[in-house]
Amino acid sequence: KTHRKKVETIVKVRERGREMASAHLIFLLLVILSTSTSSSLREQEEDRIKALPGQPKVGFSQFSGYVIVNESHGRSLFYWLTESSSSPHTKPLLLWLNGGPGCSSIAYGAS
């Protein structure tokens, strides 16, 4: 009977250990996710355009900045995002790429 009690105690301790390990893992994942989200939101806010000189206030959000495409060569693309003034989460995103001196855009830059 005492052997059975010892086995039951060992099983309970192992189960509790698994529960604690699961709780620690969930906590760690939540910390990682919140840090990632917070960093992403902070970067997004750094690119927010609050006002443009000489222009009236607008009823939609705007963001601009650079997207690094090749860090070792210092290559970046400039972007300017203007959200839809109504339902920005359901509207499609349009990407417009202008060409520069001596180069064309992807499709319609030369026309």
Protein backbone atom coordinates (compact mmCIF):
# COMPACT_ATOMS: atom_id res chain seq x y z
CA LYS A 1 0.00 0.00 0.00
CA THR A 2 2.83 2.43 0.76
CA HIS A 3 4.42 1.65 -2.61
CA ARG A 4 1.16 2.56 -4.33
CA LYS A 5 1.00 5.84 -2.35
CA LYS A 6 4.56 6.68 -3.43
CA VAL A 7 3.70 6.02 -7.07
CA GLU A 8 0.57 8.19 -6.82
CA THR A 9 2.62 10.98 -5.24
CA ILE A 10 5.24 10.78 -7.99
CA VAL A 11 2.53 10.90 -10.67
CA LYS A 12 0.92 13.95 -9.02
CA VAL A 13 4.28 15.74 -8.79
CA ARG A 14 5.00 15.04 -12.46
CA GLU A 15 1.55 16.29 -13.50
CA ARG A 16 2.01 19.44 -11.47
CA GLY A 17 5.45 19.95 -13.02
CA ARG A 18 3.94 19.67 -16.50
CA GLU A 19 1.22 22.16 -15.58
CA MET A 20 3.81 24.62 -14.28
CA ALA A 21 5.98 24.16 -17.38
CA SER A 22 2.95 24.80 -19.59
CA ALA A 23 2.06 27.92 -17.61
CA HIS A 24 5.64 29.21 -17.91
CA LEU A 25 5.66 28.54 -21.65
CA ILE A 26 2.36 30.37 -22.15
CA PHE A 27 3.64 33.32 -20.10
CA LEU A 28 6.85 33.45 -22.15
CA LEU A 29 4.91 33.39 -25.43
CA LEU A 30 2.66 36.22 -24.23
CA VAL A 31 5.69 38.32 -23.29
CA ILE A 32 7.28 37.72 -26.70
CA LEU A 33 4.06 38.56 -28.55
CA SER A 34 3.44 41.74 -26.57
CA THR A 35 7.03 42.90 -27.13
CA SER A 36 6.77 42.21 -30.85
CA THR A 37 3.43 44.00 -31.17
CA SER A 38 4.62 46.94 -29.11
CA SER A 39 7.76 47.30 -31.23
CA SER A 40 5.74 47.10 -34.46
CA LEU A 41 3.25 49.73 -33.26
CA ARG A 42 6.10 52.02 -32.16
CA GLU A 43 7.74 51.73 -35.61
CA GLN A 44 4.39 52.41 -37.28
CA GLU A 45 3.88 55.56 -35.19
CA GLU A 46 7.37 56.80 -36.10
CA ASP A 47 6.29 56.84 -39.78
CA ARG A 48 2.92 58.55 -39.17
CA ILE A 49 2.47 61.91 -40.92
CA LYS A 50 0.68 64.22 -38.50
CA ALA A 51 0.58 67.27 -40.80
CA LEU A 52 2.03 68.52 -44.09
CA PRO A 53 3.33 72.10 -44.33
CA GLY A 54 0.84 74.41 -46.04
CA GLN A 55 -1.78 71.66 -46.39
CA PRO A 56 -5.15 71.39 -44.63
CA LYS A 57 -5.83 68.68 -42.07
CA VAL A 58 -7.10 65.45 -43.67
CA GLY A 59 -9.57 62.85 -42.43
CA PHE A 60 -7.37 59.80 -42.97
CA SER A 61 -4.08 58.43 -41.70
CA GLN A 62 -0.84 58.82 -43.65
CA PHE A 63 2.53 57.18 -43.18
CA SER A 64 5.83 57.57 -44.99
CA GLY A 65 9.32 56.26 -44.62
CA TYR A 66 11.81 53.84 -46.10
CA VAL A 67 11.68 50.07 -46.50
CA ILE A 68 15.17 48.56 -46.46
CA VAL A 69 15.62 46.16 -49.36
CA ASN A 70 19.40 45.59 -49.10
CA GLU A 71 20.98 46.69 -45.85
CA SER A 72 24.56 45.78 -46.82
CA HIS A 73 24.39 48.06 -49.90
CA GLY A 74 22.28 50.76 -48.25
CA ARG A 75 19.33 50.23 -50.60
CA SER A 76 15.87 51.39 -49.54
CA LEU A 77 12.54 52.16 -51.16
CA PHE A 78 10.58 55.24 -50.12
CA TYR A 79 6.90 54.68 -49.39
CA TRP A 80 3.95 56.93 -48.67
CA LEU A 81 0.80 55.18 -47.46
CA THR A 82 -2.53 56.99 -47.29
CA GLU A 83 -5.31 54.98 -45.72
CA SER A 84 -8.87 55.10 -47.00
CA SER A 85 -11.01 57.70 -45.23
CA SER A 86 -13.77 55.09 -44.84
CA SER A 87 -13.24 51.46 -43.76
CA PRO A 88 -9.45 51.33 -44.26
CA HIS A 89 -9.28 47.72 -43.00
CA THR A 90 -11.53 46.42 -45.80
CA LYS A 91 -10.25 48.51 -48.72
CA PRO A 92 -7.61 47.11 -51.09
CA LEU A 93 -4.07 48.45 -50.95
CA LEU A 94 -2.70 50.14 -54.07
CA LEU A 95 1.06 50.22 -54.66
CA TRP A 96 2.41 52.89 -56.99
CA LEU A 97 6.11 52.81 -57.92
CA ASN A 98 7.55 55.78 -59.79
CA GLY A 99 10.65 55.45 -61.90
CA GLY A 100 13.56 57.78 -61.52
CA PRO A 101 16.11 59.33 -63.85
CA GLY A 102 17.35 56.60 -66.17
CA CYS A 103 14.95 53.92 -64.96
CA SER A 104 11.31 53.10 -65.42
CA SER A 105 8.68 51.94 -62.99
CA ILE A 106 7.52 48.33 -62.97
CA ALA A 107 4.65 48.65 -65.46
CA TYR A 108 3.13 52.05 -66.17
CA GLY A 109 5.96 54.43 -65.28
CA ALA A 110 7.04 54.92 -68.90
CA SER A 111 3.57 55.55 -70.33
